[in-house]
Amino acid sequence: MSETTQSQSTDAFVRVCSLDELPTVGVAAADISGRIVAIVRTAEGEVHAVDDTCSHANVSLSEGELDGCTLECWLHGSRFDIRTGDPSGPPATAPIAVHTVKIEGDDVYVALNQEN
């Protein structure tokens, strides 16, 4: 998933990967039209997508630890809710963008949030 994903849908959703390409529980980074996004699969099997850059230190969140629905930045320990993007632990105070995910068959599609 490290290469740029081309749009394979007529609407705002872009096919990112298949479910088999994601860790069973964990995070993988994807480049969607030049925007790096963390694709997260929880222990419950839910798939979420958030910007891959920590709002505090500008480092990759996909290299951090997943705890339930919380993604922790590996550098300074900022924590973000992957459902809302809200920081839940310092030093981050600004949220990260959350993107819409849909699963069709075995494929993961993401619609980028253009507001952030």
N, C-alpha and C. Protein backbone atom coordinates (compact mmCIF):
# COMPACT_ATOMS: atom_id res chain seq x y z
N MET A 1 0.80 -1.19 0.00
CA MET A 1 0.00 0.00 0.00
C MET A 1 0.85 1.26 0.00
N SER A 2 2.13 1.17 -0.25
CA SER A 2 2.97 2.35 -0.20
C SER A 2 2.92 3.18 -1.47
N GLU A 3 2.42 2.64 -2.56
CA GLU A 3 2.35 3.42 -3.78
C GLU A 3 1.03 4.17 -3.87
N THR A 4 1.01 5.19 -4.70
CA THR A 4 -0.18 6.00 -4.85
C THR A 4 -1.33 5.15 -5.38
N THR A 5 -2.47 5.28 -4.73
CA THR A 5 -3.66 4.53 -5.13
C THR A 5 -4.42 5.34 -6.17
N GLN A 6 -4.78 4.72 -7.26
CA GLN A 6 -5.57 5.37 -8.29
C GLN A 6 -7.04 5.17 -8.00
N SER A 7 -7.85 6.13 -8.33
CA SER A 7 -9.29 6.01 -8.13
C SER A 7 -9.85 4.91 -9.02
N GLN A 8 -10.58 3.99 -8.40
CA GLN A 8 -11.21 2.91 -9.15
C GLN A 8 -12.71 2.95 -8.93
N SER A 9 -13.25 4.11 -8.65
CA SER A 9 -14.66 4.27 -8.40
C SER A 9 -15.11 5.59 -9.00
N THR A 10 -16.38 5.68 -9.33
CA THR A 10 -16.87 6.90 -9.96
C THR A 10 -17.24 7.98 -8.94
N ASP A 11 -17.33 7.63 -7.65
CA ASP A 11 -17.65 8.64 -6.65
C ASP A 11 -16.38 9.04 -5.90
N ALA A 12 -16.51 9.62 -4.73
CA ALA A 12 -15.37 10.13 -3.97
C ALA A 12 -14.54 9.03 -3.34
N PHE A 13 -14.99 7.81 -3.34
CA PHE A 13 -14.25 6.72 -2.72
C PHE A 13 -13.15 6.20 -3.64
N VAL A 14 -12.02 5.87 -3.03
CA VAL A 14 -10.86 5.33 -3.72
C VAL A 14 -10.55 3.96 -3.11
N ARG A 15 -10.35 2.95 -3.97
CA ARG A 15 -9.96 1.64 -3.46
C ARG A 15 -8.53 1.75 -2.94
N VAL A 16 -8.33 1.35 -1.68
CA VAL A 16 -7.02 1.47 -1.04
C VAL A 16 -6.30 0.12 -1.00
N CYS A 17 -7.02 -0.93 -0.65
CA CYS A 17 -6.40 -2.25 -0.49
C CYS A 17 -7.50 -3.28 -0.31
N SER A 18 -7.09 -4.53 -0.18
CA SER A 18 -8.03 -5.57 0.23
C SER A 18 -7.87 -5.78 1.73
N LEU A 19 -8.86 -6.36 2.35
CA LEU A 19 -8.77 -6.63 3.78
C LEU A 19 -7.59 -7.53 4.11
N ASP A 20 -7.24 -8.43 3.20
CA ASP A 20 -6.11 -9.34 3.42
C ASP A 20 -4.78 -8.61 3.51
N GLU A 21 -4.71 -7.40 2.95
CA GLU A 21 -3.46 -6.63 2.99
C GLU A 21 -3.27 -5.87 4.30
N LEU A 22 -4.31 -5.81 5.12
CA LEU A 22 -4.23 -5.13 6.41
C LEU A 22 -3.81 -6.12 7.49
N PRO A 23 -3.13 -5.62 8.53
CA PRO A 23 -2.88 -6.50 9.67
C PRO A 23 -4.21 -6.92 10.30
N THR A 24 -4.25 -8.08 10.93
CA THR A 24 -5.47 -8.55 11.59
C THR A 24 -5.94 -7.52 12.61
N VAL A 25 -5.01 -6.99 13.39
CA VAL A 25 -5.25 -5.86 14.29
C VAL A 25 -4.02 -4.97 14.17
N GLY A 26 -4.21 -3.73 13.77
CA GLY A 26 -3.07 -2.84 13.64
C GLY A 26 -3.29 -1.77 12.60
N VAL A 27 -2.17 -1.20 12.14
CA VAL A 27 -2.21 -0.01 11.29
C VAL A 27 -1.29 -0.19 10.09
N ALA A 28 -1.72 0.31 8.94
CA ALA A 28 -0.89 0.35 7.74
C ALA A 28 -1.07 1.72 7.10
N ALA A 29 -0.01 2.21 6.48
CA ALA A 29 -0.06 3.51 5.81
C ALA A 29 -0.40 3.32 4.34
N ALA A 30 -1.16 4.26 3.79
CA ALA A 30 -1.49 4.25 2.37
C ALA A 30 -1.38 5.67 1.82
N ASP A 31 -0.89 5.78 0.61
CA ASP A 31 -0.81 7.07 -0.09
C ASP A 31 -2.02 7.17 -1.01
N ILE A 32 -2.92 8.07 -0.69
CA ILE A 32 -4.13 8.27 -1.49
C ILE A 32 -4.04 9.63 -2.14
N SER A 33 -3.73 9.64 -3.42
CA SER A 33 -3.62 10.89 -4.18
C SER A 33 -2.68 11.88 -3.51
N GLY A 34 -1.56 11.39 -2.99
CA GLY A 34 -0.56 12.24 -2.36
C GLY A 34 -0.79 12.53 -0.89
N ARG A 35 -1.85 12.02 -0.32
CA ARG A 35 -2.14 12.22 1.10
C ARG A 35 -1.90 10.90 1.83
N ILE A 36 -1.05 10.92 2.85
CA ILE A 36 -0.73 9.70 3.59
C ILE A 36 -1.78 9.49 4.67
N VAL A 37 -2.40 8.31 4.63
CA VAL A 37 -3.50 7.97 5.52
C VAL A 37 -3.16 6.69 6.25
N ALA A 38 -3.49 6.64 7.54
CA ALA A 38 -3.34 5.43 8.34
C ALA A 38 -4.65 4.64 8.25
N ILE A 39 -4.56 3.41 7.78
CA ILE A 39 -5.72 2.52 7.71
C ILE A 39 -5.62 1.60 8.92
N VAL A 40 -6.63 1.64 9.77
CA VAL A 40 -6.59 0.96 11.06
C VAL A 40 -7.65 -0.14 11.13
N ARG A 41 -7.23 -1.34 11.57
CA ARG A 41 -8.21 -2.40 11.82
C ARG A 41 -8.14 -2.74 13.30
N THR A 42 -9.30 -2.63 13.95
CA THR A 42 -9.38 -2.88 15.39
C THR A 42 -9.57 -4.37 15.67
N ALA A 43 -9.47 -4.74 16.94
CA ALA A 43 -9.68 -6.14 17.36
C ALA A 43 -11.10 -6.59 17.05
N GLU A 44 -12.04 -5.65 16.97
CA GLU A 44 -13.43 -5.97 16.65
C GLU A 44 -13.64 -6.10 15.15
N GLY A 45 -12.60 -5.87 14.35
CA GLY A 45 -12.70 -6.00 12.90
C GLY A 45 -13.14 -4.74 12.18
N GLU A 46 -13.34 -3.64 12.91
CA GLU A 46 -13.71 -2.38 12.28
C GLU A 46 -12.50 -1.79 11.55
N VAL A 47 -12.75 -1.12 10.44
CA VAL A 47 -11.68 -0.46 9.69
C VAL A 47 -11.94 1.04 9.70
N HIS A 48 -10.92 1.79 10.06
CA HIS A 48 -10.99 3.25 10.13
C HIS A 48 -9.84 3.84 9.33
N ALA A 49 -9.98 5.10 8.95
CA ALA A 49 -8.91 5.81 8.24
C ALA A 49 -8.76 7.20 8.84
N VAL A 50 -7.51 7.56 9.16
CA VAL A 50 -7.19 8.88 9.70
C VAL A 50 -5.91 9.37 9.03
N ASP A 51 -5.69 10.68 9.08
CA ASP A 51 -4.42 11.19 8.57
C ASP A 51 -3.29 10.52 9.33
N ASP A 52 -2.21 10.22 8.63
CA ASP A 52 -1.10 9.47 9.23
C ASP A 52 -0.11 10.37 9.96
N THR A 53 -0.36 11.66 10.01
CA THR A 53 0.60 12.57 10.62
C THR A 53 0.08 13.10 11.95
N CYS A 54 0.89 12.93 12.99
CA CYS A 54 0.55 13.43 14.33
C CYS A 54 0.44 14.96 14.27
N SER A 55 -0.61 15.49 14.86
CA SER A 55 -0.82 16.94 14.84
C SER A 55 0.14 17.68 15.76
N HIS A 56 0.85 16.96 16.61
CA HIS A 56 1.81 17.59 17.51
C HIS A 56 3.22 17.61 16.93
N ALA A 57 3.68 16.47 16.44
CA ALA A 57 5.10 16.38 16.09
C ALA A 57 5.38 16.08 14.63
N ASN A 58 4.33 15.99 13.80
CA ASN A 58 4.52 15.79 12.36
C ASN A 58 5.29 14.51 12.04
N VAL A 59 4.96 13.41 12.74
CA VAL A 59 5.55 12.09 12.47
C VAL A 59 4.43 11.10 12.16
N SER A 60 4.80 9.97 11.61
CA SER A 60 3.85 8.96 11.16
C SER A 60 3.15 8.26 12.33
N LEU A 61 1.82 8.34 12.33
CA LEU A 61 1.04 7.65 13.36
C LEU A 61 0.94 6.15 13.09
N SER A 62 1.11 5.73 11.83
CA SER A 62 1.00 4.31 11.52
C SER A 62 2.14 3.51 12.14
N GLU A 63 3.15 4.18 12.62
CA GLU A 63 4.24 3.50 13.31
C GLU A 63 4.00 3.41 14.81
N GLY A 64 2.86 3.94 15.27
CA GLY A 64 2.54 3.95 16.70
C GLY A 64 1.80 2.71 17.12
N GLU A 65 1.30 2.74 18.35
CA GLU A 65 0.60 1.61 18.96
C GLU A 65 -0.91 1.83 18.92
N LEU A 66 -1.64 0.76 18.63
CA LEU A 66 -3.10 0.79 18.66
C LEU A 66 -3.57 0.14 19.94
N ASP A 67 -4.45 0.84 20.67
CA ASP A 67 -5.04 0.32 21.90
C ASP A 67 -6.54 0.54 21.80
N GLY A 68 -7.28 -0.50 21.42
CA GLY A 68 -8.71 -0.36 21.21
C GLY A 68 -8.96 0.57 20.04
N CYS A 69 -9.59 1.71 20.30
CA CYS A 69 -9.85 2.71 19.26
C CYS A 69 -8.96 3.93 19.43
N THR A 70 -7.83 3.75 20.11
CA THR A 70 -6.89 4.83 20.35
C THR A 70 -5.56 4.52 19.69
N LEU A 71 -5.07 5.47 18.90
CA LEU A 71 -3.78 5.33 18.24
C LEU A 71 -2.80 6.27 18.92
N GLU A 72 -1.68 5.70 19.38
CA GLU A 72 -0.69 6.48 20.12
C GLU A 72 0.52 6.76 19.25
N CYS A 73 0.93 8.02 19.22
CA CYS A 73 2.11 8.44 18.48
C CYS A 73 3.35 7.87 19.16
N TRP A 74 4.23 7.32 18.39
CA TRP A 74 5.43 6.67 18.93
C TRP A 74 6.45 7.67 19.48
N LEU A 75 6.40 8.92 19.05
CA LEU A 75 7.45 9.86 19.43
C LEU A 75 7.23 10.48 20.82
N HIS A 76 6.08 11.09 21.06
CA HIS A 76 5.84 11.76 22.33
C HIS A 76 4.63 11.22 23.09
N GLY A 77 3.96 10.21 22.54
CA GLY A 77 2.85 9.59 23.26
C GLY A 77 1.50 10.26 23.11
N SER A 78 1.34 11.19 22.16
CA SER A 78 0.02 11.76 21.92
C SER A 78 -0.92 10.63 21.51
N ARG A 79 -2.17 10.71 21.95
CA ARG A 79 -3.14 9.66 21.66
C ARG A 79 -4.34 10.27 20.95
N PHE A 80 -4.85 9.55 19.94
CA PHE A 80 -5.97 10.03 19.13
C PHE A 80 -7.04 8.96 19.03
N ASP A 81 -8.31 9.38 19.14
CA ASP A 81 -9.44 8.49 18.93
C ASP A 81 -9.59 8.32 17.42
N ILE A 82 -9.48 7.09 16.91
CA ILE A 82 -9.53 6.87 15.47
C ILE A 82 -10.93 7.05 14.90
N ARG A 83 -11.95 7.13 15.76
CA ARG A 83 -13.32 7.35 15.28
C ARG A 83 -13.62 8.82 15.10
N THR A 84 -13.01 9.68 15.90
CA THR A 84 -13.30 11.12 15.87
C THR A 84 -12.10 11.98 15.48
N GLY A 85 -10.90 11.45 15.64
CA GLY A 85 -9.67 12.21 15.40
C GLY A 85 -9.25 13.07 16.57
N ASP A 86 -10.07 13.11 17.61
CA ASP A 86 -9.78 13.97 18.76
C ASP A 86 -8.59 13.44 19.56
N PRO A 87 -7.71 14.35 20.02
CA PRO A 87 -6.62 13.92 20.89
C PRO A 87 -7.17 13.56 22.26
N SER A 88 -6.65 12.50 22.83
CA SER A 88 -7.11 12.10 24.16
C SER A 88 -5.97 12.09 25.16
N GLY A 89 -4.83 12.57 24.76
CA GLY A 89 -3.70 12.67 25.68
C GLY A 89 -2.67 13.63 25.14
N PRO A 90 -2.06 14.41 26.03
CA PRO A 90 -1.05 15.37 25.60
C PRO A 90 0.19 14.63 25.08
N PRO A 91 1.01 15.33 24.33
CA PRO A 91 1.03 16.78 24.17
C PRO A 91 0.15 17.30 23.03
N ALA A 92 -0.46 16.45 22.21
CA ALA A 92 -1.29 16.95 21.11
C ALA A 92 -2.55 17.62 21.65
N THR A 93 -2.93 18.72 21.02
CA THR A 93 -4.17 19.42 21.37
C THR A 93 -5.08 19.56 20.15
N ALA A 94 -4.53 19.41 18.95
CA ALA A 94 -5.32 19.53 17.72
C ALA A 94 -5.71 18.14 17.22
N PRO A 95 -6.92 18.00 16.68
CA PRO A 95 -7.34 16.71 16.15
C PRO A 95 -6.66 16.38 14.83
N ILE A 96 -6.79 15.12 14.41
CA ILE A 96 -6.35 14.69 13.10
C ILE A 96 -7.60 14.42 12.25
N ALA A 97 -7.46 14.49 10.94
CA ALA A 97 -8.61 14.28 10.06
C ALA A 97 -9.02 12.81 10.05
N VAL A 98 -10.33 12.58 10.03
CA VAL A 98 -10.91 11.25 9.93
C VAL A 98 -11.55 11.14 8.55
N HIS A 99 -11.34 10.01 7.90
CA HIS A 99 -11.86 9.79 6.55
C HIS A 99 -12.89 8.68 6.58
N THR A 100 -13.83 8.73 5.65
CA THR A 100 -14.90 7.75 5.57
C THR A 100 -14.40 6.48 4.90
N VAL A 101 -14.73 5.34 5.51
CA VAL A 101 -14.33 4.04 5.00
C VAL A 101 -15.57 3.24 4.64
N LYS A 102 -15.50 2.52 3.53
CA LYS A 102 -16.54 1.54 3.22
C LYS A 102 -15.85 0.27 2.74
N ILE A 103 -16.47 -0.85 3.07
CA ILE A 103 -15.96 -2.16 2.66
C ILE A 103 -16.94 -2.72 1.64
N GLU A 104 -16.44 -3.09 0.49
CA GLU A 104 -17.25 -3.75 -0.53
C GLU A 104 -16.58 -5.07 -0.85
N GLY A 105 -17.24 -6.16 -0.48
CA GLY A 105 -16.62 -7.48 -0.64
C GLY A 105 -15.39 -7.55 0.25
N ASP A 106 -14.22 -7.72 -0.36
CA ASP A 106 -12.96 -7.79 0.38
C ASP A 106 -12.13 -6.53 0.18
N ASP A 107 -12.72 -5.50 -0.45
CA ASP A 107 -11.99 -4.29 -0.76
C ASP A 107 -12.30 -3.16 0.21
N VAL A 108 -11.25 -2.40 0.55
CA VAL A 108 -11.37 -1.24 1.44
C VAL A 108 -11.31 0.02 0.59
N TYR A 109 -12.34 0.86 0.72
CA TYR A 109 -12.42 2.13 0.01
C TYR A 109 -12.41 3.26 1.03
N VAL A 110 -11.76 4.36 0.66
CA VAL A 110 -11.69 5.53 1.54
C VAL A 110 -12.09 6.77 0.75
N ALA A 111 -12.92 7.61 1.35
CA ALA A 111 -13.24 8.94 0.81
C ALA A 111 -12.52 9.95 1.69
N LEU A 112 -11.62 10.70 1.10
CA LEU A 112 -10.83 11.66 1.87
C LEU A 112 -11.69 12.82 2.36
N ASN A 113 -11.46 13.22 3.60
CA ASN A 113 -12.09 14.38 4.19
C ASN A 113 -11.32 15.59 3.67
N GLN A 114 -11.94 16.40 2.86
CA GLN A 114 -11.26 17.54 2.24
C GLN A 114 -11.22 18.77 3.14
N GLU A 115 -11.89 18.72 4.30
CA GLU A 115 -11.94 19.89 5.18
C GLU A 115 -10.65 20.08 5.96
N ASN A 116 -9.88 19.04 6.17
CA ASN A 116 -8.65 19.16 6.98
C ASN A 116 -7.43 19.05 6.11
